[in-house]
Amino acid sequence: MTLWFDTHSHLQDEDFAPDFPEVLDRAKKAGVSRIM
């Protein structure tokens, strides 16, 4: 199993704020196991 790590996510950007939980859910469904 390949583990994917997003090391350049910019999740603090206000553009992600309105749907932050959905952003995390989509990442998880895409196979991202860690976001730094």
N, C-alpha and C. Protein backbone atom coordinates (compact mmCIF):
# COMPACT_ATOMS: atom_id res chain seq x y z
N MET A 1 0.84 -1.18 0.00
CA MET A 1 0.00 0.00 0.00
C MET A 1 0.88 1.25 0.00
N THR A 2 0.59 2.15 -0.89
CA THR A 2 1.33 3.40 -0.97
C THR A 2 0.70 4.43 -0.05
N LEU A 3 1.52 5.08 0.76
CA LEU A 3 1.04 6.16 1.63
C LEU A 3 1.42 7.49 1.00
N TRP A 4 0.47 8.39 0.89
CA TRP A 4 0.71 9.71 0.32
C TRP A 4 0.73 10.74 1.43
N PHE A 5 1.73 11.63 1.39
CA PHE A 5 1.88 12.70 2.35
C PHE A 5 1.85 14.02 1.60
N ASP A 6 0.96 14.92 1.97
CA ASP A 6 0.91 16.25 1.38
C ASP A 6 1.75 17.17 2.24
N THR A 7 2.89 17.62 1.72
CA THR A 7 3.81 18.45 2.49
C THR A 7 3.74 19.92 2.09
N HIS A 8 2.81 20.25 1.21
CA HIS A 8 2.71 21.64 0.74
C HIS A 8 1.23 21.98 0.55
N SER A 9 0.46 21.86 1.61
CA SER A 9 -1.00 21.90 1.48
C SER A 9 -1.64 23.30 1.59
N HIS A 10 -1.05 24.20 2.34
CA HIS A 10 -1.61 25.54 2.55
C HIS A 10 -3.03 25.51 3.09
N LEU A 11 -3.34 24.54 3.95
CA LEU A 11 -4.69 24.43 4.49
C LEU A 11 -5.10 25.62 5.35
N GLN A 12 -4.16 26.42 5.78
CA GLN A 12 -4.49 27.61 6.56
C GLN A 12 -5.04 28.73 5.68
N ASP A 13 -4.97 28.58 4.37
CA ASP A 13 -5.46 29.59 3.44
C ASP A 13 -6.97 29.76 3.61
N GLU A 14 -7.42 30.99 3.64
CA GLU A 14 -8.85 31.27 3.85
C GLU A 14 -9.74 30.68 2.76
N ASP A 15 -9.19 30.38 1.59
CA ASP A 15 -9.99 29.77 0.52
C ASP A 15 -10.53 28.40 0.92
N PHE A 16 -9.85 27.72 1.84
CA PHE A 16 -10.29 26.39 2.27
C PHE A 16 -11.30 26.46 3.42
N ALA A 17 -11.43 27.60 4.07
CA ALA A 17 -12.25 27.73 5.28
C ALA A 17 -13.71 27.33 5.10
N PRO A 18 -14.39 27.74 4.03
CA PRO A 18 -15.82 27.43 3.93
C PRO A 18 -16.15 25.93 3.92
N ASP A 19 -15.25 25.13 3.35
CA ASP A 19 -15.54 23.70 3.26
C ASP A 19 -14.38 22.84 3.76
N PHE A 20 -13.73 23.33 4.83
CA PHE A 20 -12.55 22.66 5.36
C PHE A 20 -12.77 21.17 5.65
N PRO A 21 -13.86 20.77 6.32
CA PRO A 21 -14.07 19.34 6.57
C PRO A 21 -14.16 18.52 5.28
N GLU A 22 -14.79 19.10 4.26
CA GLU A 22 -14.91 18.40 2.99
C GLU A 22 -13.56 18.27 2.29
N VAL A 23 -12.72 19.31 2.43
CA VAL A 23 -11.36 19.25 1.86
C VAL A 23 -10.60 18.08 2.47
N LEU A 24 -10.67 17.95 3.78
CA LEU A 24 -9.98 16.84 4.46
C LEU A 24 -10.56 15.50 4.05
N ASP A 25 -11.87 15.44 3.91
CA ASP A 25 -12.52 14.19 3.50
C ASP A 25 -12.10 13.78 2.09
N ARG A 26 -12.05 14.74 1.17
CA ARG A 26 -11.62 14.43 -0.20
C ARG A 26 -10.18 13.95 -0.23
N ALA A 27 -9.32 14.58 0.58
CA ALA A 27 -7.92 14.15 0.64
C ALA A 27 -7.83 12.72 1.14
N LYS A 28 -8.57 12.41 2.19
CA LYS A 28 -8.57 11.06 2.75
C LYS A 28 -9.05 10.04 1.72
N LYS A 29 -10.13 10.37 1.03
CA LYS A 29 -10.67 9.46 0.01
C LYS A 29 -9.72 9.29 -1.17
N ALA A 30 -8.86 10.29 -1.40
CA ALA A 30 -7.88 10.21 -2.48
C ALA A 30 -6.63 9.44 -2.06
N GLY A 31 -6.57 9.04 -0.78
CA GLY A 31 -5.45 8.24 -0.30
C GLY A 31 -4.38 9.02 0.44
N VAL A 32 -4.64 10.28 0.74
CA VAL A 32 -3.68 11.08 1.51
C VAL A 32 -3.77 10.65 2.97
N SER A 33 -2.64 10.21 3.53
CA SER A 33 -2.65 9.71 4.90
C SER A 33 -2.13 10.73 5.91
N ARG A 34 -1.38 11.72 5.45
CA ARG A 34 -0.85 12.75 6.34
C ARG A 34 -0.82 14.08 5.59
N ILE A 35 -1.14 15.15 6.30
CA ILE A 35 -1.03 16.50 5.75
C ILE A 35 -0.19 17.31 6.72
N MET A 36 0.87 17.90 6.21
CA MET A 36 1.79 18.65 7.06
C MET A 36 1.70 20.13 6.75
